[in-house]
Amino acid sequence: MKQDVPGGVIYGYILEPELLMKRRNGFIMLFALWTGLIIFSFSLAAAVLAHQYEKQIVMYRYSIEAVYLAESALLMGQLQCESEGESDLPEKWEQEFSELAEKSGPGRKIKVVRTLKQTGQGEVTGTLRGIACVGPDGVQRTRALSFNAIYDASCQRWTFTFYDYRI
């Protein structure tokens, strides 16, 4: 149905300014609202993701710091083991390094734990673990070394052989 109108030829509808004002086309308004809502939702999602990313950066920093402190505790534990003079090693031994924790900053806990897996006459196998806890959320990282130790009666001390670095 083709009709001639003063503004031009329209198929099926007559375009007159008075009719357009009276009809109030709700579809265009609804489309504009939904488009705005979708754009707002995308921008809100981007803001939330950016905030989570910033939090992740802080947690990564704490994680790296905890790894460094755990490896430091592990090295200090190795030095402690090398100076072990008793002929009988306890099955579980742990030591906290409060001085190192205070120097590295507030809210840090650093310790080393030595556990024996197997004990024999003058031979010991076990694990030495360095543990560090950093930050308000308590990010904890552990580093470990397995070891064999043989008691040298002539020197009256243990000879430790460390191997198998583990995370």
Foldseek 3Di string as FASTA:
>chain_A
DWDAAPVGIDPPDHDDPVVCVVVPDVVVVVVVVVVVVVVVVVVVVVVVVVVVVVVVVVVVVQQVVQVVLFVVQLVVVVVVQQPDQAQDDDQKDKDWDVVVQVVVHPPKTKMKMWHWDDDDNQKTKTKIKIWMFDDPVTDIDIKMWIWMWGQDPVVRHIDIDTDDIDD
